[in-house]
Structure formats: structure tokens, C-alpha cells
Amino acid sequence: MKPQIASANPFFNWPDALLDPECFREEQARLARVWTFLGFAQSVANDGDWFRASIATRSVFVQRFGTELRAFENRCAHRSFPLRNADKGNGPILCGFHHWRYDSEGRAVGVPQCIPLFGVSPAELGARLEPVEIALCGSLIFGRFRAPGDNQTLRQYLGESFDILSAISQSPTEPQSVTREVEANWRLCFHANVEDYHPPVVHPGTFGKGGYPKTDRINYFRFGWHSAFFVNPEPDALTKMAEQCREGTWRSLNYRVFQFFPDLTVSHLRAHWETWFIVVVQYAPVSPTRSTMRAWYYPAPFPTHHPAPWFDRLTRPVTDLFRKFAMPYVVRHVLNQDNAICEGQQSIAQQLSPAPILGALEERLAWYEEAYAEAMRTPL
């Protein structure tokens, strides 16, 4: 990777989308058509389990019906009351406003006083919920409001990373999670995850002061609208990892981060010797100036490439207890530092330069903005 200054400005509608409500609405209408991470299959393991999520500011929910998963917009067909008013739960789809009840296909099958009030039976009324197209990559659930004629599969969308992400997601239990409201635009928040220039300044206690990545020891990869960072100089490391994940032979080896358009980051990092973790972070848009950060973390589901020394194994019962409490703190601490930076930027969003100066460690940010610009050019 050669040091460089980006000559072209890839930033589309910048910084208008961070402030202008109309620009934000148009942006979100387009992003609703894009495959977006919703949550983990472990969260809906039992019949009737459901969880709430969002796609481009639109509230949705995913629910298990026997062996199938279905997703719908979180809005009653009758008077648009939200059907799910908690983050997760278990039970039938029953509106809390007028007790309209829906089946697994999203059809209104129970309408109190239907014939006296509406003149027809529930079946003749034909009311139904807005469906959300969903697909799984391992235990990760993605969804979108599919545009007419768009037959792109999730595997096609994720490209070379599909098998990697599928393997990474294999947590035997439901991951631990952290949620926080951030007073900054979701795109600003994502920028902090997609470049490697800020960690020594913003996270000196975690990454060390002056610990900038050496460009000859890392590799950036671009695949479709997505990108990855590997502490590995091999130019074919991404392809090799995909092959080994398909074969079940990949081992935890070094720090790797994947960014998936529009708002998902998946990191593979080491906590101590043989102890590796997966950290998943999403910044869901709420308004032009506000986002919801959702983060999950769990032990990496791979054997380690390098075994720990004997003294580490001897003290493992004690150090495991320490890491049990340390990991939640580290995740929250690092993300809070990033969020504070983004909130600072948002506070002067009207003054942001329309053409930021990007260096070599910000190359993936430029790629991300090129993907964003392409997404914004798609017809509604």
C-alpha cells in the first residue's frame, strides 16, 4: 500500500446529508433497498421468539414460526400502531391498539367485530403486513425492502466475504450486546470504523501512542461495496481466508476487520494469547443528527493458530475470570471514545469541508464513500 493523498472527492452530498432532513429522507429511501444486518439467529431460537431491528429508519421485526424465520415492518396494517414495543420477546403478532392478529404470512386473521364494523370477513378484508425480505449468512440475519426486479441474493451482495462471515458468526450462544444512542449522523459514526489514522490519538490506552499501522505490514481489500483490513501483507489473504473458512480449517491468527455497506463492522481481535473475540458494531440511522449504536461480542469460533505458552495455560482459570469482566469494559470504552469524536464532528456539521483530505490509512473511507455515491444514484 503506497502513501497517497486522495485527489478526487468521493463524498456525495457532503455534508448536506448530515443536516438536511429532505436529503436524509431521500438517502434512507434508497438504503431501505440494500441488504442490512438485523441480528443473530440465536436471538430467535424458539418458536414465537422475535426481536426488533431497523432498516433505514424503518422499524422491523424478525420472528420464528416453527422452522422458519419471517420479518415484517413493525406497523399494524389497520392504524399503523407498532406491533413490537420492546427489543425482544415471544408471542403471537397481536396489535396492542385494537387487537388485530396476524399469521406467519403477515395476513390479518383476527379482527375484532370485523363483519359489523368493516362489512367483510378478515379474509375478505385482505389486510396484511409489509414483508421484509430476509436471508441468513451463518447465524447473521440480513433484510431489505426489496425493489421490484432486484433479484440479488445475499451471497451475491456479500461476495467473497460470505463464507468468512458465515464462519465468523458461529457463536454457540447468544452474543453479549451493548446499545447506545449517539448524537451524530450514522455516516459520521461509520467513518470512525473504516479508517486507521485515528486510533493512536483517540485510543492511546488501547492501541498505544504513535502506534500507526505500518503500511508494509497490512493489506486493504475491496470486494463489491465492502472492504477489509488485515494485519497480513499477503495480497491473496482474503481469498485464502474464504477458502479455509469454507473448508473449516481457518485458525485465529491476526487482527482483521470487515466493513459491510451500509453500516456494519465485524472485527476479529485478540484479547490475550489464545483468546480471540469477534466484535460486531452497527450504527443504525435515526435522524440526520442521531444514530443508534448496537454492538455484540463473543469468543471467536476458531482454534488459535499459535498455542499459548505453558504459564498462560497454568493461570488460565484466573485470567479467564478477568477477561470475562475486562472485555465488556474494553468494548464500551473504545466505542464511547469513537462516539465522542463523532458527536464533536456533528456539532459543527454545517462547517465540515465538502472535500476532506484523505491519506493512505483512510483509503477504505474513500471506497466506502464511492459505494455510498453509487447507492444514492440508484432509482427509487
Protein backbone atom coordinates (compact mmCIF):
# COMPACT_ATOMS: atom_id res chain seq x y z
CA MET A 1 0.00 0.00 0.00
CA LYS A 2 1.64 3.26 -1.13
CA PRO A 3 1.19 6.52 0.78
CA GLN A 4 -1.04 8.89 -1.18
CA ILE A 5 -3.31 11.88 -0.99
CA ALA A 6 -6.73 11.32 -2.49
CA SER A 7 -7.07 13.68 -5.45
CA ALA A 8 -10.74 13.16 -6.25
CA ASN A 9 -13.55 13.87 -3.82
CA PRO A 10 -15.72 10.75 -3.42
CA PHE A 11 -18.03 12.36 -0.85
CA PHE A 12 -21.59 12.52 -2.18
CA ASN A 13 -23.97 15.14 -0.72
CA TRP A 14 -21.39 16.02 1.92
CA PRO A 15 -22.12 17.43 4.43
CA ASP A 16 -25.77 18.08 3.44
CA ALA A 17 -26.92 14.56 4.41
CA LEU A 18 -25.73 15.24 7.96
CA LEU A 19 -28.12 18.17 8.38
CA ASP A 20 -30.85 18.42 5.75
CA PRO A 21 -34.00 16.37 6.60
CA GLU A 22 -35.09 16.11 2.96
CA CYS A 23 -31.67 14.85 1.86
CA PHE A 24 -31.72 12.38 4.75
CA ARG A 25 -35.19 11.06 3.79
CA GLU A 26 -34.10 10.51 0.20
CA GLU A 27 -30.92 8.79 1.38
CA GLN A 28 -32.84 6.43 3.64
CA ALA A 29 -35.42 5.60 0.97
CA ARG A 30 -32.58 4.28 -1.20
CA LEU A 31 -30.80 2.48 1.64
CA ALA A 32 -34.02 0.63 2.54
CA ARG A 33 -33.43 -1.40 -0.64
CA VAL A 34 -29.95 -2.50 0.47
CA TRP A 35 -29.22 -5.73 2.39
CA THR A 36 -28.86 -4.61 6.04
CA PHE A 37 -27.83 -6.56 9.14
CA LEU A 38 -30.75 -7.17 11.51
CA GLY A 39 -29.48 -9.51 14.23
CA PHE A 40 -28.45 -13.03 15.23
CA ALA A 41 -30.42 -16.23 14.68
CA GLN A 42 -29.54 -17.21 18.27
CA SER A 43 -31.93 -14.44 19.37
CA VAL A 44 -34.88 -16.26 17.80
CA ALA A 45 -34.04 -19.86 18.68
CA ASN A 46 -37.50 -20.88 19.92
CA ASP A 47 -40.90 -20.89 18.24
CA GLY A 48 -42.53 -17.50 18.71
CA ASP A 49 -39.29 -15.66 19.57
CA TRP A 50 -38.93 -12.23 17.97
CA PHE A 51 -36.61 -9.24 18.06
CA ARG A 52 -36.93 -5.69 16.82
CA ALA A 53 -34.47 -4.01 14.45
CA SER A 54 -34.47 -1.30 11.80
CA ILE A 55 -33.77 -0.86 8.10
CA ALA A 56 -33.00 2.70 7.06
CA THR A 57 -35.02 4.19 9.98
CA ARG A 58 -37.98 1.85 9.37
CA SER A 59 -38.78 -0.30 12.41
CA VAL A 60 -39.00 -4.01 11.58
CA PHE A 61 -39.14 -7.27 13.50
CA VAL A 62 -37.89 -10.80 12.87
CA GLN A 63 -39.86 -13.75 14.27
CA ARG A 64 -39.56 -17.51 14.30
CA PHE A 65 -42.56 -19.56 13.19
CA GLY A 66 -41.63 -23.21 13.75
CA THR A 67 -38.64 -23.87 11.49
CA GLU A 68 -38.99 -20.64 9.50
CA LEU A 69 -37.92 -17.07 10.09
CA ARG A 70 -40.07 -14.23 8.82
CA ALA A 71 -39.72 -10.46 9.03
CA PHE A 72 -42.21 -7.62 8.68
CA GLU A 73 -42.35 -3.88 9.01
CA ASN A 74 -43.26 -3.06 12.61
CA ARG A 75 -46.56 -1.40 11.73
CA CYS A 76 -50.13 -2.63 12.02
CA ALA A 77 -51.98 -2.56 8.69
CA HIS A 78 -55.00 -1.02 10.42
CA ARG A 79 -53.82 2.25 12.02
CA SER A 80 -50.01 1.84 11.84
CA PHE A 81 -49.54 1.17 15.57
CA PRO A 82 -46.18 -0.52 16.30
CA LEU A 83 -46.71 -4.24 16.84
CA ARG A 84 -43.48 -4.73 18.80
CA ASN A 85 -42.71 -2.22 21.53
CA ALA A 86 -39.74 -3.92 23.16
CA ASP A 87 -36.36 -5.06 21.87
CA LYS A 88 -37.29 -8.74 22.00
CA GLY A 89 -39.90 -11.17 23.26
CA ASN A 90 -42.04 -14.20 22.46
CA GLY A 91 -45.64 -14.44 21.36
CA PRO A 92 -48.15 -14.06 18.52
CA ILE A 93 -48.40 -10.97 16.33
CA LEU A 94 -51.15 -9.10 18.14
CA CYS A 95 -51.65 -5.33 17.89
CA GLY A 96 -51.83 -3.62 21.26
CA PHE A 97 -54.19 -0.90 19.97
CA HIS A 98 -57.20 -2.83 18.58
CA HIS A 99 -56.09 -6.49 18.91
CA TRP A 100 -55.73 -7.21 15.24
CA ARG A 101 -53.93 -10.56 14.98
CA TYR A 102 -51.66 -11.70 12.15
CA ASP A 103 -50.41 -15.10 10.97
CA SER A 104 -46.95 -16.18 9.82
CA GLU A 105 -47.64 -14.80 6.33
CA GLY A 106 -48.46 -11.38 7.74
CA ARG A 107 -52.18 -11.71 6.96
CA ALA A 108 -54.77 -10.23 9.33
CA VAL A 109 -56.62 -13.34 10.52
CA GLY A 110 -58.22 -11.93 13.65
CA VAL A 111 -60.09 -8.61 13.52
CA PRO A 112 -62.48 -7.86 16.42
CA GLN A 113 -66.03 -7.13 15.20
CA CYS A 114 -64.80 -7.39 11.63
CA ILE A 115 -68.13 -8.00 9.84
CA PRO A 116 -70.20 -5.47 11.86
CA LEU A 117 -67.57 -2.76 11.55
CA PHE A 118 -65.96 -3.40 8.15
CA GLY A 119 -68.71 -5.33 6.38
CA VAL A 120 -66.48 -8.26 5.39
CA SER A 121 -64.61 -11.16 6.98
CA PRO A 122 -60.89 -10.84 7.82
CA ALA A 123 -60.03 -12.92 4.75
CA GLU A 124 -62.14 -10.66 2.51
CA LEU A 125 -60.64 -7.54 4.11
CA GLY A 126 -57.25 -8.69 2.80
CA ALA A 127 -55.16 -6.60 5.21
CA ARG A 128 -51.57 -7.69 5.63
CA LEU A 129 -48.23 -6.53 6.96
CA GLU A 130 -45.45 -5.16 4.78
CA PRO A 131 -43.00 -8.05 4.32
CA VAL A 132 -39.24 -7.74 4.71
CA GLU A 133 -37.06 -9.99 2.57
CA ILE A 134 -34.57 -11.77 4.81
CA ALA A 135 -31.63 -14.13 4.28
CA LEU A 136 -29.03 -15.73 6.52
CA CYS A 137 -25.25 -15.77 6.37
CA GLY A 138 -24.37 -18.33 9.02
CA SER A 139 -26.26 -17.09 12.07
CA LEU A 140 -26.40 -13.47 10.86
CA ILE A 141 -29.79 -12.28 9.62
CA PHE A 142 -29.94 -9.63 6.91
CA GLY A 143 -33.02 -7.95 5.48
CA ARG A 144 -34.21 -5.38 2.99
CA PHE A 145 -37.34 -3.93 1.40
CA ARG A 146 -36.71 -5.46 -2.00
CA ALA A 147 -37.03 -3.19 -5.01
CA PRO A 148 -39.11 -4.60 -7.90
CA GLY A 149 -36.92 -6.58 -10.24
CA ASP A 150 -33.95 -6.72 -7.85
CA ASN A 151 -33.09 -10.40 -7.53
CA GLN A 152 -29.64 -10.01 -6.00
CA THR A 153 -29.08 -12.66 -3.33
CA LEU A 154 -27.33 -12.00 -0.03
CA ARG A 155 -24.46 -14.25 -1.15
CA GLN A 156 -24.05 -12.18 -4.29
CA TYR A 157 -24.15 -8.99 -2.24
CA LEU A 158 -21.50 -10.11 0.27
CA GLY A 159 -19.36 -11.68 -2.45
CA GLU A 160 -16.06 -13.21 -1.38
CA SER A 161 -16.76 -12.48 2.27
CA PHE A 162 -19.90 -14.62 2.52
CA ASP A 163 -18.15 -17.80 3.67
CA ILE A 164 -15.88 -15.81 6.01
CA LEU A 165 -18.81 -14.06 7.66
CA SER A 166 -20.72 -17.31 7.90
CA ALA A 167 -17.84 -18.97 9.76
CA ILE A 168 -17.21 -15.96 11.99
CA SER A 169 -20.85 -15.88 13.09
CA GLN A 170 -20.92 -19.37 14.60
CA SER A 171 -21.29 -18.42 18.26
CA PRO A 172 -22.75 -21.33 20.29
CA THR A 173 -24.69 -18.88 22.49
CA GLU A 174 -26.39 -15.53 22.00
CA PRO A 175 -23.67 -12.83 21.93
CA GLN A 176 -23.37 -10.19 24.64
CA SER A 177 -24.64 -6.81 23.47
CA VAL A 178 -24.28 -3.08 24.07
CA THR A 179 -26.66 -0.37 22.82
CA ARG A 180 -26.19 3.38 22.96
CA GLU A 181 -27.74 6.45 21.36
CA VAL A 182 -25.19 8.64 19.58
CA GLU A 183 -25.89 12.31 18.84
CA ALA A 184 -24.28 12.13 15.42
CA ASN A 185 -25.17 11.11 11.89
CA TRP A 186 -24.76 7.39 11.20
CA ARG A 187 -22.38 8.06 8.33
CA LEU A 188 -20.04 10.05 10.56
CA CYS A 189 -20.08 7.17 13.04
CA PHE A 190 -19.23 4.64 10.37
CA HIS A 191 -16.31 6.75 9.17
CA ALA A 192 -14.61 6.24 12.53
CA ASN A 193 -14.72 2.48 11.92
CA VAL A 194 -13.45 2.49 8.36
CA GLU A 195 -10.08 4.26 8.71
CA ASP A 196 -6.89 3.54 10.64
CA TYR A 197 -5.43 7.01 11.12
CA HIS A 198 -7.18 7.93 14.39
CA PRO A 199 -6.60 5.01 16.86
CA PRO A 200 -3.26 6.17 18.33
CA VAL A 201 -4.80 9.58 19.04
CA VAL A 202 -8.33 8.62 20.10
CA HIS A 203 -7.48 5.26 21.71
CA PRO A 204 -3.92 5.67 23.12
CA GLY A 205 -4.63 3.38 26.07
CA THR A 206 -5.74 0.57 23.76
CA PHE A 207 -3.55 0.96 20.68
CA GLY A 208 -0.65 2.89 22.17
CA LYS A 209 0.56 6.39 21.33
CA GLY A 210 2.20 6.58 17.94
CA GLY A 211 1.10 3.06 17.07
CA TYR A 212 0.12 3.77 13.48
CA PRO A 213 -0.16 0.69 11.26
CA LYS A 214 2.89 0.19 9.08
CA THR A 215 1.67 0.17 5.50
CA ASP A 216 4.06 -2.64 4.54
CA ARG A 217 2.55 -4.94 7.19
CA ILE A 218 -1.12 -4.52 6.37
CA ASN A 219 -3.40 -5.07 3.42
CA TYR A 220 -6.67 -3.46 2.40
CA PHE A 221 -9.16 -5.45 0.36
CA ARG A 222 -12.15 -4.23 -1.61
CA PHE A 223 -15.00 -6.51 -2.65
CA GLY A 224 -18.16 -5.02 -4.08
CA TRP A 225 -19.35 -2.21 -1.81
CA HIS A 226 -17.39 -3.65 1.13
CA SER A 227 -13.81 -3.66 2.39
CA ALA A 228 -11.44 -5.33 4.85
CA PHE A 229 -8.27 -4.59 6.82
CA PHE A 230 -5.79 -7.42 7.51
CA VAL A 231 -2.59 -7.34 9.53
CA ASN A 232 -1.17 -9.53 6.81
CA PRO A 233 0.84 -8.34 3.78
CA GLU A 234 -0.14 -11.26 1.53
CA PRO A 235 -2.12 -9.91 -1.44
CA ASP A 236 -4.31 -13.04 -1.63
CA ALA A 237 -5.02 -13.28 2.13
CA LEU A 238 -8.74 -12.59 1.67
CA THR A 239 -9.16 -15.35 -0.91
CA LYS A 240 -7.19 -17.79 1.25
CA MET A 241 -9.28 -16.98 4.31
CA ALA A 242 -12.51 -17.54 2.35
CA GLU A 243 -11.25 -20.92 1.13
CA GLN A 244 -10.15 -22.02 4.60
CA CYS A 245 -13.45 -20.89 6.14
CA ARG A 246 -15.33 -22.98 3.57
CA GLU A 247 -13.12 -25.97 4.44
CA GLY A 248 -13.33 -25.37 8.19
CA THR A 249 -9.55 -25.08 8.52
CA TRP A 250 -9.06 -21.37 9.27
CA ARG A 251 -7.36 -20.52 12.57
CA SER A 252 -7.35 -17.27 14.56
CA LEU A 253 -4.11 -15.62 13.54
CA ASN A 254 -4.13 -11.82 13.36
CA TYR A 255 -6.24 -8.69 13.62
CA ARG A 256 -8.80 -8.42 10.84
CA VAL A 257 -11.71 -6.02 10.30
CA PHE A 258 -14.51 -6.20 7.75
CA GLN A 259 -16.79 -3.32 6.78
CA PHE A 260 -20.09 -4.10 5.11
CA PHE A 261 -22.12 -1.42 3.40
CA PRO A 262 -24.15 0.33 4.60
CA ASP A 263 -23.46 0.23 8.36
CA LEU A 264 -21.84 -2.96 9.69
CA THR A 265 -18.32 -3.59 11.06
CA VAL A 266 -17.08 -7.06 12.08
CA SER A 267 -13.73 -7.29 13.88
CA HIS A 268 -11.58 -10.30 14.75
CA LEU A 269 -9.21 -9.34 17.57
CA ARG A 270 -7.05 -10.92 20.25
CA ALA A 271 -7.71 -10.29 23.93
CA HIS A 272 -4.79 -12.40 25.23
CA TRP A 273 -2.63 -15.21 23.80
CA GLU A 274 -5.15 -17.85 22.65
CA THR A 275 -8.20 -15.71 23.47
CA TRP A 276 -9.74 -14.13 20.37
CA PHE A 277 -13.04 -12.29 20.12
CA ILE A 278 -15.49 -11.22 17.44
CA VAL A 279 -16.94 -7.72 17.83
CA VAL A 280 -19.88 -6.69 15.64
CA VAL A 281 -20.86 -3.00 15.51
CA GLN A 282 -23.73 -1.34 13.68
CA TYR A 283 -24.74 2.32 13.52
CA ALA A 284 -28.44 2.46 12.65
CA PRO A 285 -29.69 5.84 11.40
CA VAL A 286 -32.43 7.55 13.42
CA SER A 287 -32.37 11.14 12.13
CA PRO A 288 -29.87 13.39 10.34
CA THR A 289 -28.19 14.09 13.68
CA ARG A 290 -28.77 10.89 15.64
CA SER A 291 -27.87 7.19 15.43
CA THR A 292 -28.29 4.04 17.47
CA MET A 293 -25.10 2.09 18.07
CA ARG A 294 -25.64 -1.64 18.50
CA ALA A 295 -22.63 -3.80 19.35
CA TRP A 296 -22.24 -7.53 20.04
CA TYR A 297 -19.20 -9.53 21.13
CA TYR A 298 -18.42 -13.20 21.67
CA PRO A 299 -15.41 -15.58 21.65
CA ALA A 300 -14.10 -16.28 18.17
CA PRO A 301 -15.27 -19.72 16.99
CA PHE A 302 -11.84 -20.80 15.71
CA PRO A 303 -8.88 -22.65 17.23
CA THR A 304 -5.85 -20.41 17.65
CA HIS A 305 -3.01 -20.60 15.15
CA HIS A 306 -0.34 -20.20 17.83
CA PRO A 307 -0.77 -22.07 21.16
CA ALA A 308 -0.27 -20.13 24.37
CA PRO A 309 2.86 -20.70 26.48
CA TRP A 310 2.70 -23.07 29.43
CA PHE A 311 2.48 -20.34 32.07
CA ASP A 312 -0.60 -18.84 30.42
CA ARG A 313 -2.35 -22.20 30.43
CA LEU A 314 -1.44 -22.65 34.09
CA THR A 315 -3.03 -19.34 35.07
CA ARG A 316 -5.99 -19.64 32.67
CA PRO A 317 -8.69 -20.22 35.37
CA VAL A 318 -7.80 -16.88 36.94
CA THR A 319 -7.15 -14.87 33.78
CA ASP A 320 -10.40 -16.12 32.19
CA LEU A 321 -12.32 -14.57 35.06
CA PHE A 322 -10.50 -11.29 34.48
CA ARG A 323 -11.25 -11.32 30.74
CA LYS A 324 -14.91 -12.06 31.43
CA PHE A 325 -15.21 -8.61 33.00
CA ALA A 326 -12.49 -6.84 31.01
CA MET A 327 -13.93 -7.47 27.54
CA PRO A 328 -17.25 -5.64 28.14
CA TYR A 329 -15.32 -2.69 29.55
CA VAL A 330 -12.91 -2.53 26.59
CA VAL A 331 -15.72 -2.73 24.02
CA ARG A 332 -17.69 0.03 25.71
CA HIS A 333 -14.61 2.17 26.33
CA VAL A 334 -13.30 2.09 22.75
CA LEU A 335 -16.73 2.64 21.20
CA ASN A 336 -17.51 5.50 23.58
CA GLN A 337 -14.27 7.20 22.53
CA ASP A 338 -15.23 6.87 18.86
CA ASN A 339 -18.75 8.11 19.55
CA ALA A 340 -17.46 11.18 21.36
CA ILE A 341 -15.35 12.11 18.31
CA CYS A 342 -18.37 11.70 16.01
CA GLU A 343 -20.58 13.82 18.27
CA GLY A 344 -17.89 16.50 18.19
CA GLN A 345 -17.91 16.48 14.39
CA GLN A 346 -21.70 16.60 14.29
CA SER A 347 -21.68 19.70 16.49
CA ILE A 348 -20.14 21.69 13.61
CA ALA A 349 -21.57 19.65 10.71
CA GLN A 350 -22.53 22.84 8.85
CA GLN A 351 -18.84 23.74 8.72
CA LEU A 352 -17.42 20.42 7.51
CA SER A 353 -15.28 20.63 4.41
CA PRO A 354 -17.02 19.24 1.32
CA ALA A 355 -13.70 17.69 0.24
CA PRO A 356 -11.79 16.09 3.15
CA ILE A 357 -8.09 15.34 2.64
CA LEU A 358 -7.58 11.57 2.80
CA GLY A 359 -4.28 9.73 3.22
CA ALA A 360 -3.25 6.10 2.74
CA LEU A 361 -4.70 4.95 6.08
CA GLU A 362 -8.07 6.41 5.03
CA GLU A 363 -8.30 4.63 1.69
CA ARG A 364 -11.18 2.42 2.81
CA LEU A 365 -13.14 5.53 3.79
CA ALA A 366 -12.85 6.73 0.18
CA TRP A 367 -14.02 3.31 -1.05
CA TYR A 368 -16.97 3.45 1.32
CA GLU A 369 -17.97 6.88 0.02
CA GLU A 370 -17.73 5.67 -3.56
CA ALA A 371 -20.14 2.84 -2.67
CA TYR A 372 -22.43 5.34 -0.97
CA ALA A 373 -22.45 7.57 -4.05
CA GLU A 374 -23.30 4.58 -6.25
CA ALA A 375 -26.15 3.60 -3.91
CA MET A 376 -27.50 7.16 -4.00
CA ARG A 377 -27.60 7.07 -7.81
CA THR A 378 -29.93 4.06 -7.91
CA PRO A 379 -33.52 4.97 -8.85
CA LEU A 380 -36.21 4.89 -6.17
